[in-house]
Amino acid sequence: QAVSHRCADMLRETESVRSTTLWAAWAAEAEPETLPLAAAMAKALASDAGWNVTSSAMQVHGGIGFTWEHDLHFFLKRAKVDGALFGSAREHRERVAELSGLGAAAPLPA
């Protein structure tokens, strides 16, 4: 049952990213003034979810997920690189707060 819950969480995160990314794509066409907010939100969610989903998949796959015989290690590395590409999730969350009118978030310790 724990595996089922982990898989359900992975699906929930994936669908959240999908929905937010589609919103950002729609905003680019229909409401360009909301694009900076939508893009920052999509990037922040995608960065976090990419790492969370691939590391959870590693756990779900068990021993085979940790070996070179399975391709999962490629996805884990890709998620790590993509998380840092074009700004970290933290930077984009700060941007979302700023664009939402919440003011700049206090910098977190590194």
Protein backbone atom coordinates (compact mmCIF):
# COMPACT_ATOMS: atom_id res chain seq x y z
CA GLN A 1 0.00 0.00 0.00
CA ALA A 2 2.89 2.37 0.66
CA VAL A 3 4.02 1.90 -2.94
CA SER A 4 0.53 2.78 -4.19
CA HIS A 5 0.50 5.96 -2.12
CA ARG A 6 3.93 6.94 -3.41
CA CYS A 7 2.79 6.34 -7.00
CA ALA A 8 -0.37 8.39 -6.40
CA ASP A 9 1.78 11.24 -5.05
CA MET A 10 3.99 11.05 -8.14
CA LEU A 11 0.92 11.24 -10.38
CA ARG A 12 -0.46 14.20 -8.42
CA GLU A 13 2.82 16.10 -8.74
CA THR A 14 3.14 15.28 -12.43
CA GLU A 15 -0.41 16.42 -13.18
CA SER A 16 0.10 19.63 -11.18
CA VAL A 17 3.16 20.44 -13.28
CA ARG A 18 1.32 19.54 -16.47
CA SER A 19 -1.60 21.81 -15.60
CA THR A 20 0.63 24.73 -14.63
CA THR A 21 2.76 24.32 -17.75
CA LEU A 22 -0.33 24.30 -19.95
CA TRP A 23 -1.50 27.47 -18.19
CA ALA A 24 1.86 29.12 -18.93
CA ALA A 25 1.63 28.08 -22.59
CA TRP A 26 -1.91 29.44 -22.79
CA ALA A 27 -0.82 32.69 -21.10
CA ALA A 28 1.90 33.15 -23.71
CA GLU A 29 -0.77 33.22 -26.40
CA ALA A 30 -3.86 34.67 -24.72
CA GLU A 31 -2.68 36.80 -21.77
CA PRO A 32 0.97 37.81 -22.26
CA GLU A 33 0.81 40.10 -19.22
CA THR A 34 0.41 37.04 -16.95
CA LEU A 35 3.18 35.06 -18.63
CA PRO A 36 5.99 36.02 -16.21
CA LEU A 37 3.92 34.78 -13.26
CA ALA A 38 2.76 31.63 -15.05
CA ALA A 39 6.26 30.77 -16.28
CA ALA A 40 7.84 31.30 -12.86
CA MET A 41 5.18 29.18 -11.21
CA ALA A 42 5.54 26.40 -13.79
CA LYS A 43 9.33 26.37 -13.46
CA ALA A 44 9.23 26.29 -9.65
CA LEU A 45 6.75 23.41 -9.64
CA ALA A 46 8.57 21.52 -12.40
CA SER A 47 11.94 21.81 -10.68
CA ASP A 48 10.63 20.47 -7.40
CA ALA A 49 8.44 17.79 -8.95
CA GLY A 50 11.16 16.56 -11.30
CA TRP A 51 13.44 15.72 -8.41
CA ASN A 52 10.64 14.43 -6.15
CA VAL A 53 9.14 12.15 -8.78
CA THR A 54 12.42 10.67 -10.00
CA SER A 55 13.72 10.04 -6.49
CA SER A 56 10.39 8.46 -5.53
CA ALA A 57 10.54 6.32 -8.67
CA MET A 58 13.97 5.18 -7.57
CA GLN A 59 12.46 4.01 -4.27
CA VAL A 60 9.49 2.33 -5.97
CA HIS A 61 11.72 0.44 -8.38
CA GLY A 62 13.78 -0.92 -5.52
CA GLY A 63 17.19 -2.42 -6.25
CA ILE A 64 16.90 -2.30 -10.05
CA GLY A 65 16.42 1.48 -9.87
CA PHE A 66 19.91 1.86 -8.40
CA THR A 67 21.67 -0.13 -11.09
CA TRP A 68 23.10 0.87 -14.46
CA GLU A 69 20.89 -1.75 -16.16
CA HIS A 70 17.84 0.47 -15.66
CA ASP A 71 17.44 3.88 -17.35
CA LEU A 72 16.08 5.57 -14.24
CA HIS A 73 19.47 7.01 -13.34
CA PHE A 74 19.36 9.07 -16.57
CA PHE A 75 16.07 10.64 -15.50
CA LEU A 76 17.39 11.36 -12.01
CA LYS A 77 20.44 13.14 -13.43
CA ARG A 78 18.26 15.04 -15.90
CA ALA A 79 15.93 16.18 -13.12
CA LYS A 80 18.88 17.45 -11.11
CA VAL A 81 20.28 19.43 -14.06
CA ASP A 82 16.87 20.75 -15.14
CA GLY A 83 16.20 21.89 -11.58
CA ALA A 84 19.16 24.27 -11.76
CA LEU A 85 18.68 25.32 -15.39
CA PHE A 86 17.25 28.84 -15.87
CA GLY A 87 17.15 29.46 -12.11
CA SER A 88 16.37 27.34 -9.11
CA ALA A 89 12.90 26.62 -7.76
CA ARG A 90 13.66 28.94 -4.85
CA GLU A 91 14.42 31.85 -7.18
CA HIS A 92 11.22 31.25 -9.12
CA ARG A 93 9.12 31.00 -5.94
CA GLU A 94 10.54 34.37 -4.89
CA ARG A 95 9.61 35.72 -8.32
CA VAL A 96 6.06 34.35 -7.94
CA ALA A 97 5.75 36.10 -4.56
CA GLU A 98 7.04 39.34 -6.05
CA LEU A 99 4.72 39.20 -9.07
CA SER A 100 1.74 38.28 -6.89
CA GLY A 101 2.22 41.46 -4.91
CA LEU A 102 3.39 39.70 -1.77
CA GLY A 103 6.67 41.57 -1.86
CA ALA A 104 10.09 40.07 -2.10
CA ALA A 105 10.46 37.11 0.20
CA ALA A 106 13.10 37.31 2.89
CA PRO A 107 16.21 35.51 1.66
CA LEU A 108 16.57 32.04 3.11
CA PRO A 109 19.89 30.88 4.49
CA ALA A 110 21.85 28.79 2.02
